Amino acid sequence: MVENQNRAALILCGLVAIIFVGLVFKFQTVAKEARVTGARLAKVWMLDSVQRYREAWLLQGEPKQLEMDGFLLTMTEGGLVSPFSKQGDLDCDYWLAVHYPQRKIMTIEPSEIGGAIKNGLYICSYIYKKSYKVIVTANTNDLISVEILSE
């Protein structure tokens, strides 16, 4: 009788362990899907923000500066918010503050922000540790792309 109880307890512990391991793997899958969805939402937010500022710029008669959302924005000839500081430096941190003020993808802040100007395009990259790299490519007239790359 004691042997059967020990065997039953061992089987029950084994089943609980198997169920626990299965739940852990399932949670990892759900967490990854949530990060992917968060990255996609960040991209949509950025693209929507660019379009919203361009529409406001057009409706106000294409001014050189536009006051909106607490920012005094310098606009390009094509209606984009200029990503350049008053000193003429590419300021990707400013671009992110304007177009994606919450900065986070899920709970992850960008760990690295960089920018470069190549062949008339400005490229801002935002690296979110453990997850994604967001690359924004534009020229003075058009936003060319916002890409989300898995790291």
Protein backbone atom coordinates (compact mmCIF):
# COMPACT_ATOMS: atom_id res chain seq x y z
CA MET A 1 0.00 0.00 0.00
CA VAL A 2 2.82 2.42 0.90
CA GLU A 3 4.59 1.48 -2.33
CA ASN A 4 1.50 2.42 -4.38
CA GLN A 5 1.21 5.76 -2.58
CA ASN A 6 4.87 6.54 -3.27
CA ARG A 7 4.44 5.57 -6.91
CA ALA A 8 1.27 7.70 -7.20
CA ALA A 9 3.04 10.68 -5.59
CA LEU A 10 5.98 10.28 -7.96
CA ILE A 11 3.68 10.13 -10.99
CA LEU A 12 1.77 13.18 -9.77
CA CYS A 13 5.01 15.14 -9.25
CA GLY A 14 6.14 14.15 -12.75
CA LEU A 15 2.87 15.35 -14.27
CA VAL A 16 3.07 18.65 -12.39
CA ALA A 17 6.66 19.14 -13.61
CA ILE A 18 5.68 18.40 -17.22
CA ILE A 19 2.75 20.83 -17.05
CA PHE A 20 4.98 23.49 -15.48
CA VAL A 21 7.65 23.14 -18.18
CA GLY A 22 4.95 23.32 -20.87
CA LEU A 23 3.53 26.51 -19.37
CA VAL A 24 6.99 28.12 -19.21
CA PHE A 25 7.60 27.39 -22.91
CA LYS A 26 4.13 28.68 -23.82
CA PHE A 27 4.72 31.87 -21.83
CA GLN A 28 8.00 32.50 -23.69
CA THR A 29 6.14 32.21 -27.00
CA VAL A 30 3.43 34.61 -25.83
CA ALA A 31 6.05 37.09 -24.56
CA LYS A 32 7.88 37.00 -27.91
CA GLU A 33 4.62 37.57 -29.81
CA ALA A 34 3.86 40.50 -27.49
CA ARG A 35 7.26 42.07 -28.24
CA VAL A 36 6.70 41.64 -32.00
CA THR A 37 3.28 43.25 -31.69
CA GLY A 38 4.75 46.08 -29.61
CA ALA A 39 7.40 46.71 -32.27
CA ARG A 40 4.76 46.78 -35.01
CA LEU A 41 2.67 49.23 -33.02
CA ALA A 42 5.72 51.47 -32.53
CA LYS A 43 6.29 51.49 -36.29
CA VAL A 44 2.64 52.35 -36.99
CA TRP A 45 2.75 55.10 -34.35
CA MET A 46 5.86 56.63 -35.95
CA LEU A 47 4.41 56.53 -39.46
CA ASP A 48 1.11 57.97 -38.24
CA SER A 49 2.93 60.76 -36.42
CA VAL A 50 4.89 61.71 -39.54
CA GLN A 51 1.65 61.84 -41.54
CA ARG A 52 -0.19 63.81 -38.84
CA TYR A 53 2.49 66.53 -38.74
CA ARG A 54 2.57 66.68 -42.54
CA GLU A 55 -1.21 67.10 -42.69
CA ALA A 56 -1.11 69.88 -40.08
CA TRP A 57 1.70 71.55 -42.05
CA LEU A 58 -0.37 71.44 -45.25
CA LEU A 59 -3.53 72.71 -43.53
CA GLN A 60 -1.62 75.67 -42.06
CA GLY A 61 -0.22 76.73 -45.43
CA GLU A 62 3.19 75.02 -45.39
CA PRO A 63 4.91 77.23 -42.78
CA LYS A 64 8.62 76.91 -42.02
CA GLN A 65 7.76 76.32 -38.36
CA LEU A 66 4.77 74.60 -36.82
CA GLU A 67 3.72 74.66 -33.18
CA MET A 68 2.12 71.38 -32.20
CA ASP A 69 2.06 68.95 -29.26
CA GLY A 70 4.25 71.23 -27.16
CA PHE A 71 6.97 71.45 -29.80
CA LEU A 72 8.02 74.31 -32.05
CA LEU A 73 8.84 72.20 -35.09
CA THR A 74 11.07 73.25 -37.95
CA MET A 75 9.61 71.74 -41.11
CA THR A 76 11.33 70.66 -44.32
CA GLU A 77 10.17 71.68 -47.81
CA GLY A 78 8.36 68.36 -48.06
CA GLY A 79 6.49 68.72 -44.78
CA LEU A 80 8.59 66.51 -42.54
CA VAL A 81 9.74 67.55 -39.10
CA SER A 82 13.41 68.43 -39.54
CA PRO A 83 15.59 66.04 -37.55
CA PHE A 84 18.43 68.56 -37.40
CA SER A 85 19.38 70.65 -34.38
CA LYS A 86 19.90 74.41 -34.62
CA GLN A 87 23.62 73.68 -35.02
CA GLY A 88 22.85 71.52 -38.07
CA ASP A 89 23.60 68.17 -36.44
CA LEU A 90 21.37 65.16 -37.00
CA ASP A 91 19.42 64.73 -33.75
CA CYS A 92 17.79 61.30 -33.75
CA ASP A 93 16.87 61.58 -30.07
CA TYR A 94 14.75 64.63 -30.95
CA TRP A 95 13.13 62.77 -33.86
CA LEU A 96 12.12 59.98 -31.48
CA ALA A 97 10.80 62.46 -28.89
CA VAL A 98 8.59 64.07 -31.54
CA HIS A 99 7.36 60.97 -33.36
CA TYR A 100 7.37 58.33 -30.62
CA PRO A 101 7.33 60.16 -27.27
CA GLN A 102 6.78 57.06 -25.15
CA ARG A 103 10.13 55.74 -26.49
CA LYS A 104 9.55 52.22 -25.16
CA ILE A 105 8.67 49.06 -27.03
CA MET A 106 6.78 47.17 -24.36
CA THR A 107 8.93 47.95 -21.30
CA ILE A 108 12.24 48.29 -23.14
CA GLU A 109 13.87 51.71 -23.60
CA PRO A 110 16.28 52.20 -26.51
CA SER A 111 19.75 51.31 -25.27
CA GLU A 112 21.50 53.03 -28.17
CA ILE A 113 20.50 55.88 -30.49
CA GLY A 114 22.58 56.68 -33.54
CA GLY A 115 22.35 58.67 -36.72
CA ALA A 116 24.14 59.12 -40.00
CA ILE A 117 23.76 61.00 -43.26
CA LYS A 118 24.47 58.93 -46.38
CA ASN A 119 23.84 59.88 -50.01
CA GLY A 120 21.37 62.61 -49.11
CA LEU A 121 19.43 60.37 -46.73
CA TYR A 122 19.39 60.65 -43.01
CA ILE A 123 19.24 57.41 -41.10
CA CYS A 124 18.34 57.16 -37.43
CA SER A 125 18.75 53.84 -35.66
CA TYR A 126 17.30 52.92 -32.30
CA ILE A 127 18.52 49.72 -30.69
CA TYR A 128 16.26 48.14 -28.11
CA LYS A 129 18.35 45.65 -26.14
CA LYS A 130 17.33 42.00 -26.33
CA SER A 131 14.74 42.71 -28.97
CA TYR A 132 14.81 45.03 -31.96
CA LYS A 133 16.58 47.63 -34.00
CA VAL A 134 14.36 50.37 -35.45
CA ILE A 135 15.78 52.13 -38.51
CA VAL A 136 14.21 55.33 -39.83
CA THR A 137 15.33 56.43 -43.30
CA ALA A 138 14.28 59.74 -44.86
CA ASN A 139 15.39 62.62 -47.01
CA THR A 140 14.26 66.21 -46.60
CA ASN A 141 11.05 65.63 -48.55
CA ASP A 142 9.93 62.07 -47.85
CA LEU A 143 9.99 59.50 -45.11
CA ILE A 144 11.32 56.51 -46.98
CA SER A 145 10.88 53.78 -44.39
CA VAL A 146 10.62 52.72 -40.81
CA GLU A 147 12.01 49.20 -40.44
CA ILE A 148 11.91 46.90 -37.45
CA LEU A 149 14.72 44.35 -37.51
CA SER A 150 15.00 41.46 -35.07
CA GLU A 151 18.31 41.45 -33.26
